[in-house]
Amino acid sequence: MRTFAARLGRPLVLGGAVCVGLCVLYAAWESAFGHLGYIAAHSWASPEMIGPRIALTVIALTGFMVGARAYWRQEIPRDVEDLGPLLCCSAAERAELLRAAASCDRGGRSWIGSLVAIPIGLLIVTSRRPGVPYLLSDEPWAPDLVWALGSNVLLFSLMGRNTVQILRTNALFARIESRLAPVDLLRPQALAPFARRGLRSAFLWVGGSSLASIIFVNQEFSWMTGLVLVGTLLLGTVTFLLPVRGLHRRIRVEKHAELERVRAVILRVRELMLGEDDDGTAAARMPGLLAYEHRIASVHEWPLETPQIVRFGLIATLGLGSWLGGAVVGHVVDAAWR
């Protein structure tokens, strides 16, 4: 079985290669218009560097989206394959689900998200007049704004496609959940693929927010920062729990039904054990029944294990630290730049 690091290797390399390539292209673009000297002469965290900071943040987000898409693409079939033994369906249906998992990011519909997202990316590039999109203004051609338009087209195209991929994956896992056999309360870890998908979703949004915080390095904490922090944590929590919400309801129902069943048996065995005709069989069964009742009662109704909760805590800490540590990061980067 491949390790987590091995599975992460290809997406990291791919995302890193995209970042490096775009950074080289950005440096060449700025050099062609004589702007590299201006960038070198100013502090990285200064207000004059907001344009280059945004450009490099968009580059980092683009590489992150490429790497995340590659990781999702390889992990979704693995999740479906792991859930195969739990499905009440034929081998042909399982094979069809695996094919659907492998093609979640393919097909014409994937580009619908890009076509919807690209205009948003173009309109958020503003002119010197606040709130007025550059494309709708009468301002002359500017190299930095043209770069911003081109990089936003690429980034928002990937974001739109990733969004469609997530929606198609949600629909696929809804089909899988409808075909699941009754939950084995003694083996809830078999449902781990649902929690893994929630972790990936949370990391996508929290990680993207953390990269976006680069724009705001060396900025004081404000109500806007607090709003972003609350929104990031809320969205991360929702995306983490959403894939296991349906399973939570199923586990709760089946747990209560099993407890009622075993407690009914305990009551019958108690009556036999206390009766005059008991030959010791009922007394011998009682410890096992009580232990089983305790085991079922201790089953968590959310199919989440401690390592998964710890990982989500680390992801949330990443989001908090990236924004709260903006001032520290700004000073460190500024010192290194000089």
Protein backbone atom coordinates (compact mmCIF):
# COMPACT_ATOMS: atom_id res chain seq x y z
CA MET A 1 0.00 0.00 0.00
CA ARG A 2 1.35 3.36 -0.99
CA THR A 3 2.17 5.76 1.79
CA PHE A 4 0.55 9.16 2.15
CA ALA A 5 3.81 10.87 1.17
CA ALA A 6 4.09 8.80 -2.00
CA ARG A 7 0.51 9.63 -2.98
CA LEU A 8 1.13 13.30 -2.36
CA GLY A 9 4.36 13.39 -4.38
CA ARG A 10 2.97 13.77 -7.91
CA PRO A 11 0.40 16.50 -7.06
CA LEU A 12 3.09 18.45 -5.16
CA VAL A 13 5.53 18.22 -8.04
CA LEU A 14 2.85 19.22 -10.53
CA GLY A 15 1.63 22.18 -8.47
CA GLY A 16 5.20 23.29 -7.73
CA ALA A 17 6.15 23.09 -11.40
CA VAL A 18 3.18 25.30 -12.31
CA CYS A 19 4.21 27.86 -9.66
CA VAL A 20 7.82 27.93 -10.83
CA GLY A 21 6.83 28.22 -14.48
CA LEU A 22 4.40 31.08 -13.80
CA CYS A 23 6.97 32.88 -11.60
CA VAL A 24 9.53 32.71 -14.42
CA LEU A 25 6.93 33.98 -16.87
CA TYR A 26 5.96 36.81 -14.49
CA ALA A 27 9.60 37.82 -14.02
CA ALA A 28 10.07 37.88 -17.79
CA TRP A 29 6.89 39.97 -18.18
CA GLU A 30 7.99 42.51 -15.58
CA SER A 31 11.52 42.61 -17.02
CA ALA A 32 10.18 43.28 -20.51
CA PHE A 33 8.52 46.46 -19.24
CA GLY A 34 11.39 47.51 -16.96
CA HIS A 35 9.57 46.87 -13.67
CA LEU A 36 11.99 44.50 -11.96
CA GLY A 37 14.10 47.39 -10.69
CA TYR A 38 11.03 48.99 -9.14
CA ILE A 39 10.13 45.73 -7.38
CA ALA A 40 13.68 45.29 -6.07
CA ALA A 41 13.78 48.86 -4.74
CA HIS A 42 10.70 48.52 -2.53
CA SER A 43 9.95 46.57 0.61
CA TRP A 44 7.98 43.40 -0.02
CA ALA A 45 5.40 44.35 2.62
CA SER A 46 5.08 48.01 1.58
CA PRO A 47 1.83 49.40 0.09
CA GLU A 48 3.66 49.97 -3.21
CA MET A 49 4.12 46.20 -3.57
CA ILE A 50 0.44 45.29 -3.36
CA GLY A 51 0.36 44.61 -7.12
CA PRO A 52 3.30 42.14 -7.15
CA ARG A 53 1.98 40.53 -3.95
CA ILE A 54 -1.38 39.93 -5.59
CA ALA A 55 0.31 38.58 -8.72
CA LEU A 56 2.43 36.11 -6.75
CA THR A 57 -0.54 35.13 -4.60
CA VAL A 58 -2.54 34.32 -7.73
CA ILE A 59 0.41 32.25 -8.97
CA ALA A 60 0.55 30.34 -5.67
CA LEU A 61 -3.22 29.76 -5.75
CA THR A 62 -3.00 28.52 -9.34
CA GLY A 63 -0.33 25.97 -8.43
CA PHE A 64 -2.36 24.97 -5.38
CA MET A 65 -5.48 24.41 -7.50
CA VAL A 66 -3.55 22.33 -10.03
CA GLY A 67 -2.03 20.19 -7.28
CA ALA A 68 -5.37 19.83 -5.46
CA ARG A 69 -7.12 18.75 -8.65
CA ALA A 70 -4.43 16.14 -9.35
CA TYR A 71 -4.68 14.83 -5.78
CA TRP A 72 -8.49 14.61 -5.88
CA ARG A 73 -8.30 12.84 -9.22
CA GLN A 74 -6.11 10.04 -7.83
CA GLU A 75 -7.80 9.72 -4.43
CA ILE A 76 -11.47 9.54 -5.43
CA PRO A 77 -11.13 6.14 -7.19
CA ARG A 78 -9.18 4.90 -4.15
CA ASP A 79 -12.03 5.92 -1.85
CA VAL A 80 -14.63 4.20 -4.03
CA GLU A 81 -12.50 1.06 -4.23
CA ASP A 82 -12.12 0.96 -0.42
CA LEU A 83 -15.90 1.24 -0.04
CA GLY A 84 -16.54 -1.56 -2.54
CA PRO A 85 -16.95 -4.38 0.04
CA LEU A 86 -19.61 -2.35 1.87
CA LEU A 87 -21.86 -1.87 -1.16
CA CYS A 88 -25.03 -3.84 -1.81
CA CYS A 89 -24.66 -4.01 -5.57
CA SER A 90 -23.35 -6.25 -8.32
CA ALA A 91 -19.78 -6.37 -9.57
CA ALA A 92 -20.88 -4.57 -12.74
CA GLU A 93 -22.37 -1.71 -10.68
CA ARG A 94 -19.16 -1.42 -8.66
CA ALA A 95 -17.14 -1.24 -11.86
CA GLU A 96 -19.48 1.48 -13.15
CA LEU A 97 -18.99 3.48 -9.92
CA LEU A 98 -15.22 3.16 -10.29
CA ARG A 99 -15.41 4.43 -13.87
CA ALA A 100 -17.54 7.35 -12.70
CA ALA A 101 -14.99 8.13 -9.98
CA ALA A 102 -12.15 8.14 -12.50
CA SER A 103 -14.02 10.54 -14.80
CA CYS A 104 -15.36 13.05 -12.27
CA ASP A 105 -13.24 15.86 -13.72
CA ARG A 106 -13.70 14.94 -17.37
CA GLY A 107 -16.30 15.71 -19.97
CA GLY A 108 -17.81 18.87 -21.34
CA ARG A 109 -19.66 19.68 -18.14
CA SER A 110 -16.38 20.25 -16.32
CA TRP A 111 -15.72 23.29 -18.48
CA ILE A 112 -19.11 24.79 -17.66
CA GLY A 113 -17.67 25.79 -14.30
CA SER A 114 -14.75 27.48 -16.06
CA LEU A 115 -17.05 29.41 -18.40
CA VAL A 116 -19.06 30.64 -15.41
CA ALA A 117 -16.03 31.51 -13.27
CA ILE A 118 -13.84 33.28 -15.87
CA PRO A 119 -16.07 36.39 -16.17
CA ILE A 120 -15.94 36.74 -12.38
CA GLY A 121 -12.14 36.63 -12.49
CA LEU A 122 -12.09 39.31 -15.18
CA LEU A 123 -14.50 41.62 -13.37
CA ILE A 124 -12.64 41.60 -10.05
CA VAL A 125 -9.61 43.23 -11.69
CA THR A 126 -10.45 46.84 -10.86
CA SER A 127 -9.24 50.06 -12.38
CA ARG A 128 -7.83 53.01 -10.45
CA ARG A 129 -11.39 53.91 -9.59
CA PRO A 130 -12.48 51.65 -6.73
CA GLY A 131 -15.24 49.26 -7.68
CA VAL A 132 -14.96 49.83 -11.44
CA PRO A 133 -13.72 46.77 -13.39
CA TYR A 134 -10.73 47.52 -15.60
CA LEU A 135 -12.44 46.05 -18.66
CA LEU A 136 -15.40 48.40 -18.19
CA SER A 137 -13.27 51.51 -17.66
CA ASP A 138 -11.70 53.83 -20.21
CA GLU A 139 -8.22 53.51 -18.73
CA PRO A 140 -5.31 52.89 -21.12
CA TRP A 141 -3.54 49.56 -21.50
CA ALA A 142 -1.28 48.74 -18.51
CA PRO A 143 1.11 45.76 -18.31
CA ASP A 144 0.29 44.91 -14.67
CA LEU A 145 -3.45 44.92 -15.30
CA VAL A 146 -3.09 42.82 -18.46
CA TRP A 147 -1.08 40.28 -16.46
CA ALA A 148 -3.76 40.33 -13.76
CA LEU A 149 -6.46 39.65 -16.34
CA GLY A 150 -4.56 36.75 -17.89
CA SER A 151 -3.62 35.14 -14.57
CA ASN A 152 -7.18 35.49 -13.27
CA VAL A 153 -8.53 33.76 -16.37
CA LEU A 154 -6.26 30.79 -15.62
CA LEU A 155 -6.97 30.73 -11.87
CA PHE A 156 -10.74 31.11 -12.11
CA SER A 157 -10.90 28.57 -14.92
CA LEU A 158 -9.29 26.05 -12.58
CA MET A 159 -11.50 27.11 -9.66
CA GLY A 160 -14.65 26.67 -11.74
CA ARG A 161 -13.54 23.28 -12.98
CA ASN A 162 -12.63 22.18 -9.44
CA THR A 163 -16.05 23.30 -8.23
CA VAL A 164 -17.78 21.17 -10.87
CA GLN A 165 -15.53 18.26 -9.89
CA ILE A 166 -16.59 18.63 -6.24
CA LEU A 167 -20.27 18.77 -7.18
CA ARG A 168 -19.98 15.67 -9.37
CA THR A 169 -18.09 13.89 -6.60
CA ASN A 170 -20.82 14.79 -4.12
CA ALA A 171 -23.42 13.28 -6.45
CA LEU A 172 -21.29 10.14 -6.87
CA PHE A 173 -20.88 9.64 -3.13
CA ALA A 174 -24.60 10.21 -2.61
CA ARG A 175 -25.17 7.25 -4.97
CA ILE A 176 -22.61 5.21 -3.06
CA GLU A 177 -24.19 6.05 0.29
CA SER A 178 -27.59 4.91 -0.99
CA ARG A 179 -26.08 1.52 -1.84
CA LEU A 180 -24.27 0.98 1.46
CA ALA A 181 -25.09 -2.11 3.47
CA PRO A 182 -26.31 -1.58 7.06
CA VAL A 183 -23.55 0.04 9.06
CA ASP A 184 -21.37 -2.39 11.02
CA LEU A 185 -21.28 -0.63 14.40
CA LEU A 186 -18.25 -2.69 15.42
CA ARG A 187 -16.26 -1.50 12.39
CA PRO A 188 -17.04 2.20 11.85
CA GLN A 189 -13.49 2.71 10.54
CA ALA A 190 -14.61 1.07 7.29
CA LEU A 191 -16.39 4.35 6.51
CA ALA A 192 -13.12 6.31 6.64
CA PRO A 193 -13.22 7.27 2.91
CA PHE A 194 -16.14 9.62 3.62
CA ALA A 195 -14.12 11.43 6.31
CA ARG A 196 -11.05 11.53 4.06
CA ARG A 197 -13.09 13.30 1.42
CA GLY A 198 -14.23 15.84 4.01
CA LEU A 199 -10.61 16.48 5.02
CA ARG A 200 -9.63 17.11 1.40
CA SER A 201 -12.51 19.55 0.95
CA ALA A 202 -11.61 21.42 4.13
CA PHE A 203 -7.96 21.62 3.12
CA LEU A 204 -8.91 22.98 -0.31
CA TRP A 205 -10.80 25.94 1.14
CA VAL A 206 -8.64 26.60 4.21
CA GLY A 207 -5.43 26.16 2.22
CA GLY A 208 -6.64 28.56 -0.45
CA SER A 209 -7.56 31.11 2.21
CA SER A 210 -4.12 30.72 3.80
CA LEU A 211 -2.40 31.45 0.50
CA ALA A 212 -4.65 34.47 -0.04
CA SER A 213 -3.39 35.88 3.27
CA ILE A 214 -0.07 36.62 1.52
CA ILE A 215 -1.72 39.74 0.11
CA PHE A 216 -2.28 41.09 3.62
CA VAL A 217 1.17 40.55 5.15
CA ASN A 218 2.29 43.25 7.58
CA GLN A 219 -1.30 44.40 8.09
CA GLU A 220 -2.83 45.07 11.49
CA PHE A 221 -5.66 42.90 12.78
CA SER A 222 -9.01 44.44 11.85
CA TRP A 223 -12.67 43.51 11.78
CA MET A 224 -12.20 42.36 8.20
CA THR A 225 -9.44 39.97 9.27
CA GLY A 226 -11.70 38.63 12.00
CA LEU A 227 -14.54 38.19 9.51
CA VAL A 228 -12.25 36.25 7.16
CA LEU A 229 -11.05 34.06 10.03
CA VAL A 230 -14.58 33.20 11.15
CA GLY A 231 -15.68 32.58 7.57
CA THR A 232 -12.67 30.36 6.85
CA LEU A 233 -13.16 28.23 9.96
CA LEU A 234 -16.92 27.98 9.38
CA LEU A 235 -16.52 26.95 5.75
CA GLY A 236 -13.75 24.50 6.63
CA THR A 237 -15.89 22.89 9.35
CA VAL A 238 -18.94 22.63 7.08
CA THR A 239 -16.96 21.07 4.22
CA PHE A 240 -15.35 18.63 6.66
CA LEU A 241 -18.64 17.43 8.20
CA LEU A 242 -20.88 17.58 5.13
CA PRO A 243 -19.70 14.28 3.55
CA VAL A 244 -20.40 12.35 6.79
CA ARG A 245 -23.69 14.03 7.71
CA GLY A 246 -25.84 11.31 6.12
CA LEU A 247 -23.76 8.57 7.73
CA HIS A 248 -24.16 10.30 11.09
CA ARG A 249 -27.94 9.95 10.80
CA ARG A 250 -27.67 6.30 9.75
CA ILE A 251 -25.30 5.42 12.57
CA ARG A 252 -27.51 7.13 15.14
CA VAL A 253 -30.63 5.27 13.97
CA GLU A 254 -28.89 1.88 13.77
CA LYS A 255 -27.13 2.41 17.10
CA HIS A 256 -30.39 3.15 18.90
CA ALA A 257 -32.09 0.18 17.23
CA GLU A 258 -29.26 -2.16 18.24
CA LEU A 259 -29.29 -0.86 21.81
CA GLU A 260 -33.04 -1.48 22.06
CA ARG A 261 -32.55 -5.00 20.71
CA VAL A 262 -29.73 -5.96 23.08
CA ARG A 263 -31.48 -4.39 26.07
CA ALA A 264 -34.61 -6.38 25.31
CA VAL A 265 -32.48 -9.54 25.32
CA ILE A 266 -30.83 -8.45 28.60
CA LEU A 267 -34.27 -8.08 30.21
CA ARG A 268 -35.32 -11.57 29.08
CA VAL A 269 -32.04 -13.12 30.27
CA ARG A 270 -32.38 -11.32 33.60
CA GLU A 271 -35.80 -12.84 34.14
CA LEU A 272 -34.41 -16.30 33.35
CA MET A 273 -31.35 -15.75 35.56
CA LEU A 274 -33.49 -14.74 38.54
CA GLY A 275 -35.99 -17.52 38.01
CA GLU A 276 -35.99 -20.79 39.87
CA ASP A 277 -35.46 -22.91 36.75
CA ASP A 278 -32.17 -21.26 35.69
CA ASP A 279 -29.41 -23.81 35.15
CA GLY A 280 -26.66 -21.16 34.96
CA THR A 281 -26.90 -20.58 31.21
CA ALA A 282 -28.56 -17.18 31.60
CA ALA A 283 -26.02 -16.08 34.20
CA ALA A 284 -23.22 -17.08 31.83
CA ARG A 285 -24.71 -15.03 28.99
CA MET A 286 -25.25 -11.86 31.04
CA PRO A 287 -21.60 -10.57 31.19
CA GLY A 288 -21.25 -10.87 27.44
CA LEU A 289 -24.52 -9.07 26.82
CA LEU A 290 -23.59 -6.25 29.19
CA ALA A 291 -20.18 -5.90 27.54
CA TYR A 292 -21.82 -5.79 24.10
CA GLU A 293 -24.30 -3.17 25.29
CA HIS A 294 -21.42 -1.03 26.57
CA ARG A 295 -19.53 -1.49 23.30
CA ILE A 296 -22.51 -0.34 21.21
CA ALA A 297 -23.30 2.56 23.55
CA SER A 298 -19.72 3.82 23.20
CA VAL A 299 -19.84 3.90 19.38
CA HIS A 300 -19.46 7.48 18.13
CA GLU A 301 -22.40 8.65 16.07
CA TRP A 302 -20.09 10.65 13.80
CA PRO A 303 -17.86 8.32 11.71
CA LEU A 304 -14.72 10.23 12.62
CA GLU A 305 -11.62 8.80 14.22
CA THR A 306 -9.14 10.66 16.41
CA PRO A 307 -6.42 10.96 13.70
CA GLN A 308 -8.94 12.55 11.32
CA ILE A 309 -10.07 15.05 13.96
CA VAL A 310 -6.43 15.89 14.73
CA ARG A 311 -5.74 16.46 11.04
CA PHE A 312 -8.70 18.78 10.76
CA GLY A 313 -7.40 20.65 13.82
CA LEU A 314 -4.05 21.08 12.07
CA ILE A 315 -5.80 22.36 8.95
CA ALA A 316 -7.79 24.87 11.03
CA THR A 317 -4.59 25.95 12.79
CA LEU A 318 -3.00 26.53 9.38
CA GLY A 319 -5.86 28.86 8.46
CA LEU A 320 -5.70 30.75 11.75
CA GLY A 321 -1.92 31.02 11.77
CA SER A 322 -1.67 32.27 8.21
CA TRP A 323 -3.89 35.26 8.92
CA LEU A 324 -2.91 36.04 12.51
CA GLY A 325 0.77 35.67 11.65
CA GLY A 326 0.58 38.04 8.71
CA ALA A 327 2.50 40.79 10.47
CA VAL A 328 5.30 38.43 11.54
CA VAL A 329 5.53 36.92 8.07
CA GLY A 330 5.67 40.38 6.56
CA HIS A 331 8.64 41.42 8.68
CA VAL A 332 10.49 38.13 8.06
CA VAL A 333 9.97 38.27 4.29
CA ASP A 334 10.87 41.93 4.26
CA ALA A 335 14.16 41.23 6.08
CA ALA A 336 14.99 38.37 3.73
CA TRP A 337 14.13 40.54 0.69
CA ARG A 338 16.52 43.24 1.82
